[in-house]
Protein backbone atom coordinates (compact mmCIF):
# COMPACT_ATOMS: atom_id res chain seq x y z
CA MET A 1 139.13 99.88 128.14
CA VAL A 2 140.99 100.07 124.83
CA VAL A 3 139.01 103.22 123.94
CA PHE A 4 139.84 104.83 127.19
CA ARG A 5 143.59 104.18 126.68
CA ARG A 6 143.58 105.67 123.19
CA ALA A 7 141.81 108.70 124.39
CA ALA A 8 144.31 108.98 127.25
CA MET A 9 147.10 108.70 124.84
CA ARG A 10 145.70 111.45 122.59
CA GLY A 11 145.11 113.68 125.58
CA ALA A 12 148.63 113.03 126.78
CA SER A 13 150.16 113.85 123.30
CA SER A 14 148.19 117.29 122.88
CA PRO A 15 150.53 119.38 125.01
CA ALA A 16 153.55 117.91 123.22
CA LEU A 17 151.89 118.54 119.85
CA LEU A 18 151.07 122.06 120.85
CA PHE A 19 154.58 122.68 122.06
CA GLY A 20 156.02 121.40 118.71
CA VAL A 21 153.68 123.59 116.66
CA LYS A 22 154.61 126.70 118.77
CA ALA A 23 158.39 125.84 118.42
CA ALA A 24 158.01 125.50 114.68
CA LEU A 25 156.19 128.72 114.37
CA ALA A 26 158.81 130.43 116.54
CA LEU A 27 161.54 129.14 114.23
CA VAL A 28 159.54 130.29 111.02
CA SER A 29 159.08 133.64 112.61
CA ALA A 30 162.69 133.95 113.53
CA ALA A 31 163.73 132.90 109.99
CA LEU A 32 161.26 135.45 108.50
CA ALA A 33 162.67 138.07 110.85
CA VAL A 34 166.22 137.33 109.66
CA VAL A 35 165.18 137.26 105.96
CA LEU A 36 163.26 140.65 106.44
CA SER A 37 166.19 142.24 108.28
CA ALA A 38 168.67 141.16 105.61
CA LEU A 39 166.40 142.53 102.89
CA THR A 40 166.06 145.82 104.77
CA VAL A 41 169.80 146.09 105.26
CA VAL A 42 170.42 145.47 101.49
CA SER A 43 167.62 147.88 100.51
CA LEU A 44 168.93 150.68 102.62
CA ARG A 45 172.37 150.15 101.18
CA ILE A 46 170.93 150.38 97.65
CA ALA A 47 168.91 153.43 98.69
CA ARG A 48 172.15 155.12 100.02
CA ARG A 49 174.03 154.17 96.87
CA VAL A 50 171.32 155.83 94.70
CA VAL A 51 171.66 159.30 96.21
CA THR A 52 175.37 159.22 96.88
CA PRO A 53 177.59 160.85 94.23
CA ALA A 54 179.34 158.13 92.48
CA VAL A 55 183.16 157.80 92.35
CA ARG A 56 184.75 156.65 89.08
CA LEU A 57 185.64 152.93 89.52
CA ALA A 58 188.05 150.87 87.45
CA ASP A 59 185.91 148.69 85.14
CA THR A 60 188.48 147.86 82.44
CA ARG A 61 191.70 145.92 82.49
CA ILE A 62 194.66 146.96 80.30
CA LEU A 63 196.36 143.85 79.14
CA SER A 64 199.14 145.29 76.91
CA LEU A 65 200.34 148.50 75.26
CA ASP A 66 202.14 148.55 71.90
CA THR A 67 203.86 151.88 71.56
CA ALA A 68 205.35 151.06 68.17
CA ALA A 69 201.98 150.16 66.65
CA GLN A 70 200.07 152.68 68.89
CA THR A 71 197.55 150.07 69.88
CA ILE A 72 196.12 148.96 73.27
CA THR A 73 194.69 145.60 74.38
CA LEU A 74 191.88 145.58 76.85
CA GLY A 75 189.98 142.85 78.72
CA ARG A 76 186.69 142.23 76.81
CA THR A 77 183.53 143.69 78.24
CA PRO A 78 180.26 144.89 76.80
CA ASP A 79 181.88 148.36 76.59
CA THR A 80 185.36 147.68 75.30
CA GLU A 81 184.01 145.62 72.37
CA LEU A 82 181.86 148.51 71.06
CA PRO A 83 182.67 150.00 67.62
CA GLY A 84 183.46 153.69 67.58
CA ARG A 85 185.58 156.16 69.48
CA TYR A 86 185.87 156.34 73.27
CA GLY A 87 188.13 157.20 76.12
CA LEU A 88 189.95 155.54 78.99
CA PHE A 89 190.71 157.05 82.46
CA THR A 90 194.06 155.65 83.47
CA ASP A 91 196.56 156.08 86.34
CA GLY A 92 200.27 156.70 85.67
CA THR A 93 201.99 159.22 83.20
CA GLU A 94 198.70 159.49 81.21
CA SER A 95 195.46 160.17 83.00
CA TYR A 96 193.18 159.99 79.90
CA VAL A 97 193.64 158.27 76.58
CA LYS A 98 191.44 158.26 73.51
CA LEU A 99 190.57 154.99 71.88
CA GLY A 100 189.82 154.24 68.13
CA SER A 101 188.34 151.45 66.27
CA VAL A 102 188.55 147.72 67.16
CA LEU A 103 191.48 146.05 65.31
CA ALA A 104 191.20 142.55 66.56
CA GLU A 105 189.29 140.65 69.23
CA ASP A 106 188.96 137.27 70.75
CA ALA A 107 186.81 135.73 73.60
CA THR A 108 188.75 137.50 76.38
CA SER A 109 190.42 140.61 74.78
CA VAL A 110 189.92 143.50 72.39
CA LYS A 111 192.73 145.30 70.57
CA ARG A 112 191.96 148.98 69.80
CA LYS A 113 193.85 151.80 67.99
CA LEU A 114 195.18 154.47 70.16
CA LEU A 115 194.18 158.05 69.34
CA THR A 116 196.39 159.51 71.99
CA HIS A 117 199.97 159.17 71.19
CA ILE A 118 201.73 156.89 73.81
CA GLY A 119 205.51 157.26 74.06
CA ASP A 120 208.01 154.51 75.06
CA GLN A 121 208.39 156.03 78.56
CA THR A 122 204.68 155.96 79.22
CA ARG A 123 203.68 154.01 82.33
CA ILE A 124 200.07 153.20 82.89
CA ALA A 125 198.37 151.13 85.66
CA PRO A 126 196.46 148.12 84.37
CA ASP A 127 193.18 149.19 86.10
CA ALA A 128 191.33 151.73 84.15
CA ALA A 129 187.75 153.21 83.59
CA PHE A 130 186.12 153.13 80.11
CA SER A 131 184.48 156.39 79.11
CA GLY A 132 182.08 157.66 76.45
CA TRP A 133 183.35 161.23 76.91
CA TYR A 134 185.99 161.13 74.27
CA TYR A 135 186.82 164.92 74.93
CA ASP A 136 188.15 165.44 78.50
CA GLN A 137 188.96 169.16 78.40
CA PRO A 138 187.18 172.14 76.51
CA GLU A 139 190.46 173.13 74.89
CA GLU A 140 190.28 169.84 72.85
CA LEU A 141 187.48 171.23 70.85
CA HIS A 142 189.51 174.17 69.50
CA LEU A 143 186.55 176.48 69.79
CA PRO A 144 186.51 179.84 71.66
CA PHE A 145 185.12 179.46 75.12
CA THR A 146 185.11 181.23 78.48
CA PRO A 147 184.84 179.80 82.00
CA GLU A 148 181.74 181.26 83.85
CA LEU A 149 180.22 181.08 87.28
CA ILE A 150 176.53 180.69 87.60
CA GLY A 151 175.03 181.99 90.81
CA SER A 152 172.57 179.55 92.44
CA ALA A 153 171.09 178.81 95.84
CA VAL A 154 173.99 176.74 96.84
CA GLY A 155 176.63 178.98 95.54
CA PRO A 156 178.59 179.62 92.21
CA CYS A 157 178.36 176.70 89.77
CA PRO A 158 181.18 176.53 87.26
CA ALA A 159 180.14 176.47 83.53
CA TRP A 160 181.73 176.69 80.11
CA LEU A 161 180.42 179.15 77.62
CA PHE A 162 180.97 178.54 73.80
CA PRO A 163 179.57 181.49 72.01
CA ALA A 164 178.24 180.97 68.41
CA GLY A 165 175.99 182.72 65.98
CA ASP A 166 174.21 185.84 66.96
CA GLY A 167 173.54 184.66 70.50
CA ASP A 168 169.80 184.40 69.91
CA VAL A 169 169.59 180.69 70.49
CA TRP A 170 171.40 178.86 73.26
CA VAL A 171 171.53 175.22 74.39
CA ILE A 172 172.24 174.49 78.04
CA GLN A 173 173.80 171.11 78.52
CA VAL A 174 173.30 169.05 81.74
CA HIS A 175 175.55 166.09 82.56
CA GLY A 176 174.44 162.92 84.10
CA ARG A 177 174.95 161.24 87.57
CA GLY A 178 178.46 160.47 88.69
CA THR A 179 179.98 162.54 85.82
CA THR A 180 181.01 166.10 85.22
CA ARG A 181 180.27 168.75 82.52
CA ALA A 182 183.10 167.22 80.29
CA GLU A 183 180.59 164.50 79.46
CA CYS A 184 178.71 167.05 77.31
CA LEU A 185 181.64 168.32 75.28
CA ARG A 186 180.93 165.87 72.45
CA ALA A 187 177.78 167.80 71.41
CA VAL A 188 179.19 171.26 71.43
CA PRO A 189 180.60 171.21 67.80
CA VAL A 190 177.23 170.11 66.51
CA PHE A 191 175.52 173.12 67.98
CA HIS A 192 178.43 175.46 67.19
CA ALA A 193 178.20 174.72 63.43
CA LEU A 194 174.59 175.63 63.55
CA GLY A 195 175.21 178.97 65.10
CA ILE A 196 173.93 177.93 68.54
CA THR A 197 175.68 179.04 71.67
CA SER A 198 176.49 176.37 74.22
CA LEU A 199 176.54 176.74 77.95
CA VAL A 200 177.85 173.56 79.63
CA VAL A 201 176.79 173.62 83.28
CA SER A 202 177.48 171.98 86.70
CA TYR A 203 175.06 171.48 89.53
CA ARG A 204 175.12 170.72 93.29
CA ASN A 205 177.10 167.79 94.56
CA ASP A 206 178.69 166.81 91.16
CA GLY A 207 182.21 167.45 92.35
CA GLU A 208 182.63 170.77 90.70
CA ALA A 209 179.67 172.84 91.84
CA PRO A 210 179.15 173.54 95.68
CA ARG A 211 178.05 170.81 97.96
CA SER A 212 174.59 170.90 99.52
CA ARG A 213 174.14 170.31 103.25
CA THR A 214 173.99 166.52 102.92
CA GLY A 215 176.15 166.19 99.86
CA THR A 216 173.66 163.75 98.23
CA TYR A 217 171.55 163.77 94.99
CA THR A 218 167.81 164.21 94.98
CA LEU A 219 167.68 162.65 91.51
CA GLY A 220 166.60 165.94 89.85
CA ALA A 221 164.16 167.14 92.43
CA THR A 222 166.41 169.95 93.61
CA GLU A 223 169.30 169.97 91.04
CA TRP A 224 167.06 171.55 88.46
CA ARG A 225 167.06 174.75 90.34
CA ASP A 226 170.84 175.14 89.65
CA VAL A 227 170.07 174.64 86.01
CA ASP A 228 167.17 177.10 86.12
CA ALA A 229 169.80 179.67 87.45
CA ALA A 230 171.77 178.86 84.29
CA VAL A 231 168.71 179.70 82.20
CA GLY A 232 168.31 183.04 83.92
CA PHE A 233 172.01 183.61 83.19
CA ALA A 234 171.56 182.95 79.50
CA ARG A 235 168.58 185.25 79.30
CA ARG A 236 170.62 188.12 80.88
CA ARG A 237 173.31 187.45 78.30
CA GLY A 238 170.84 187.90 75.55
CA ALA A 239 169.45 184.44 74.88
CA ARG A 240 165.98 184.51 73.59
CA ARG A 241 165.32 180.85 72.89
CA ILE A 242 166.85 178.14 74.93
CA VAL A 243 167.20 174.46 74.33
CA LEU A 244 167.88 172.11 77.33
CA MET A 245 170.03 169.05 76.62
CA GLY A 246 170.28 166.42 79.41
CA TRP A 247 172.27 163.29 79.55
CA SER A 248 171.09 160.38 81.66
CA MET A 249 170.12 161.97 85.11
CA GLY A 250 170.64 165.29 83.37
CA GLY A 251 167.63 164.29 81.29
CA ALA A 252 165.67 163.95 84.44
CA ILE A 253 166.87 167.33 85.62
CA ALA A 254 165.99 168.95 82.26
CA LEU A 255 162.50 167.44 82.43
CA GLN A 256 161.91 168.81 85.96
CA LEU A 257 162.95 172.28 84.68
CA GLU A 258 160.55 171.91 81.78
CA LEU A 259 157.74 171.14 84.22
CA SER A 260 158.63 173.68 87.02
CA SER A 261 160.76 176.51 85.62
CA ALA A 262 159.62 180.16 85.96
CA HIS A 263 161.67 180.53 82.62
CA ARG A 264 159.29 178.27 80.63
CA ASP A 265 158.46 181.08 78.19
CA ALA A 266 162.04 181.15 76.99
CA LEU A 267 162.36 177.43 76.49
CA ALA A 268 162.18 176.18 72.87
CA GLY A 269 162.63 172.53 73.43
CA LEU A 270 164.51 169.59 74.93
CA ILE A 271 167.10 167.12 73.59
CA LEU A 272 167.46 163.99 75.87
CA GLU A 273 170.35 161.59 75.53
CA SER A 274 169.78 158.17 77.23
CA PRO A 275 167.48 159.96 79.74
CA VAL A 276 165.95 158.87 83.04
CA VAL A 277 162.24 159.52 82.57
CA ASP A 278 161.06 157.47 85.53
CA TRP A 279 163.50 156.54 88.33
CA ARG A 280 161.30 153.50 89.46
CA VAL A 281 161.80 151.87 86.13
CA VAL A 282 165.61 152.37 86.30
CA LEU A 283 165.94 151.16 89.99
CA GLY A 284 163.90 148.13 89.03
CA TYR A 285 166.09 147.40 86.06
CA GLN A 286 169.25 147.82 88.08
CA ALA A 287 167.99 145.46 90.84
CA LYS A 288 167.39 142.72 88.18
CA LEU A 289 170.92 143.25 86.90
CA LEU A 290 172.24 142.66 90.35
CA ARG A 291 169.85 139.62 90.67
CA LEU A 292 168.23 141.16 93.74
CA PRO A 293 164.64 140.36 94.79
CA SER A 294 161.98 142.83 93.64
CA ALA A 295 161.20 143.43 97.31
CA VAL A 296 164.60 145.18 97.69
CA THR A 297 163.58 147.72 95.12
CA GLY A 298 160.37 148.37 96.80
CA ILE A 299 161.83 148.72 100.25
CA ALA A 300 164.59 151.04 98.88
CA ILE A 301 162.10 153.34 96.99
CA GLY A 302 159.84 153.28 100.11
CA ALA A 303 162.84 154.38 102.28
CA LEU A 304 163.80 157.11 99.77
CA LYS A 305 160.49 158.68 99.53
CA THR A 306 159.85 158.91 103.36
CA GLU A 307 161.25 161.73 105.49
CA TRP A 308 161.84 159.47 108.55
CA ALA A 309 164.20 157.28 106.73
CA THR A 310 166.48 160.04 105.35
CA PRO A 311 169.07 159.51 108.18
CA MET A 312 169.48 155.91 107.01
CA THR A 313 169.42 156.61 103.42
CA GLY A 314 171.65 159.77 103.56
CA ALA A 315 169.08 161.63 101.42
CA GLY A 316 168.69 165.32 102.46
CA ALA A 317 164.97 165.01 101.96
CA ALA A 318 162.39 162.56 100.71
CA ILE A 319 162.56 161.83 97.05
CA PRO A 320 159.27 162.67 95.31
CA PHE A 321 159.26 159.80 92.88
CA ASP A 322 155.68 160.57 91.67
CA ARG A 323 156.90 164.15 90.75
CA LEU A 324 159.95 162.67 88.97
CA ASP A 325 157.65 160.28 86.91
CA VAL A 326 157.31 162.29 83.70
CA VAL A 327 155.30 159.67 81.78
CA ALA A 328 152.62 160.17 84.49
CA ARG A 329 152.93 163.91 84.11
CA ALA A 330 153.20 163.93 80.33
CA SER A 331 150.17 166.10 79.94
CA GLU A 332 152.02 168.95 81.67
CA LEU A 333 154.78 169.01 78.97
CA ARG A 334 154.71 172.17 76.80
CA HIS A 335 157.75 171.93 74.51
CA PRO A 336 158.97 169.71 71.62
CA ILE A 337 161.27 166.91 72.87
CA LEU A 338 163.76 164.87 70.95
CA ILE A 339 164.91 161.57 72.74
CA LEU A 340 168.04 159.70 71.71
CA HIS A 341 168.07 156.30 73.40
CA SER A 342 169.40 152.81 72.71
CA ASP A 343 167.39 149.72 73.33
CA ASP A 344 170.64 148.12 74.36
CA ASP A 345 171.47 150.88 76.79
CA GLY A 346 172.46 148.43 79.54
CA PHE A 347 172.05 150.96 82.50
CA VAL A 348 168.90 153.11 81.92
CA PRO A 349 166.37 151.01 79.96
CA SER A 350 164.67 152.77 77.17
CA ASP A 351 161.11 151.60 78.25
CA ALA A 352 160.10 154.87 79.83
CA SER A 353 161.40 156.91 76.87
CA HIS A 354 159.16 154.75 74.50
CA ASP A 355 156.30 155.29 76.95
CA LEU A 356 156.69 159.04 76.82
CA VAL A 357 156.57 158.95 73.07
CA VAL A 358 153.27 157.02 73.30
CA ALA A 359 151.84 159.42 76.02
CA ARG A 360 152.72 162.64 73.96
CA PRO A 361 153.25 161.74 70.30
CA ASP A 362 152.35 165.39 69.51
CA LEU A 363 155.52 166.65 71.33
CA VAL A 364 157.99 163.76 71.74
CA GLU A 365 160.01 162.20 68.94
CA MET A 366 162.50 159.39 69.62
CA GLN A 367 165.49 158.24 67.61
CA VAL A 368 165.97 154.54 68.65
CA PHE A 369 169.49 153.15 68.54
CA GLU A 370 170.77 149.54 68.99
CA VAL A 371 174.15 148.06 70.07
CA ALA A 372 175.17 151.49 71.56
CA ARG A 373 175.23 151.51 75.38
CA HIS A 374 174.50 154.15 77.85
CA THR A 375 175.32 157.80 76.81
CA LYS A 376 177.63 156.29 74.07
CA LEU A 377 175.32 156.92 70.98
CA TRP A 378 177.55 159.68 69.65
CA ASN A 379 180.67 157.34 70.07
CA TYR A 380 178.95 154.45 68.28
CA ASP A 381 177.32 156.43 65.41
CA GLN A 382 178.39 160.05 65.39
CA GLU A 383 176.90 160.85 61.95
CA ARG A 384 173.50 159.53 62.75
CA TRP A 385 173.44 161.04 66.17
CA SER A 386 174.56 164.49 64.90
CA GLN A 387 172.15 164.46 61.96
CA SER A 388 169.23 163.51 64.24
CA ILE A 389 169.87 166.65 66.29
CA ARG A 390 170.51 168.85 63.29
CA THR A 391 167.24 167.76 61.55
CA TRP A 392 165.20 168.25 64.74
CA LEU A 393 166.66 171.65 65.30
CA GLU A 394 166.00 172.73 61.73
CA ARG A 395 162.33 171.56 61.99
CA GLN A 396 161.92 173.66 65.15
CA GLY A 397 163.34 176.76 63.41
CA LEU A 398 166.23 176.97 65.82
CA THR A 399 169.26 177.06 63.45
CA ALA A 400 170.89 180.08 61.77
CA PRO A 401 169.31 181.09 58.41
């Protein structure tokens, strides 16, 4: 009798138990769906941000100006505390000021010398953007130049031409993501002194060149064609040997041109400053900086590389990450490459640059910097940066006799 009752009780509880298990599974499934949905939304936002041309954002706080001493005090950040010469985009009566050495610092602020004279009547908003450009306009170099238009598939792309030497050797400079060709002006005097003509170019969707249909980046997969048009322009103007110099994403563009251009016979080498060599490495690093789950990067890359997701990512076409991975394609490289990269870059990690040296030690040389941050190697140590380029060019036989 006791056995019967216990069996009856077990039988009576089975439907309740089954219902409880189903309810728990339903809750878990719902929770997982919410999590996956949230990850997907975040991933698509990241994907869209990657291909959308960046707008300069204020990242620096101006705490005070001393017009008598010509100094400026800034909120302390990893950039504002750097040794060297830099620039600051500002709002007010001055749009851009040059910054000199650090004069004093504490836990929250950094006082720097002003290299742009600031008068007593100057009014500048406290929010500013720190810059490694230093030179903002080509006239500041005090070198002869002409504005040019390079015909490309999307229309005429503005460029600056700085003639030098006999016109036999040219360097074509390619700026990075979210910047303009002014980023490249720092390098022009180095090449000019060596008798090398500089062509500083723009490309689709950078705010100066024409806009593509979608107005978004393809991370080098199509932008290289605009630079290839500049190579053709240089050849028509008499260039016989051409060096490509790419900064950050400009490095990715230059590498795609090296791998795909019909003008490869005219190329003599590449100089890459803080380059993107493999976008997947960069996006993974950026996700870690933002403390995002690794799944976010995977979903974002998956969305960017598929055609069906382009309406959600804003990309005009699927991004060919395999084609943009130059470490994997290292065997296809044909010309010598000089990489200038800091292990403390802080934005584009130097890992893929190191990997490219390992993959092609016969062609790729790397000058490793420390402390200097992304595309600010010239600012941090101008002499070493310039000498590295001069020495490499001399070894390639690209300088004037």
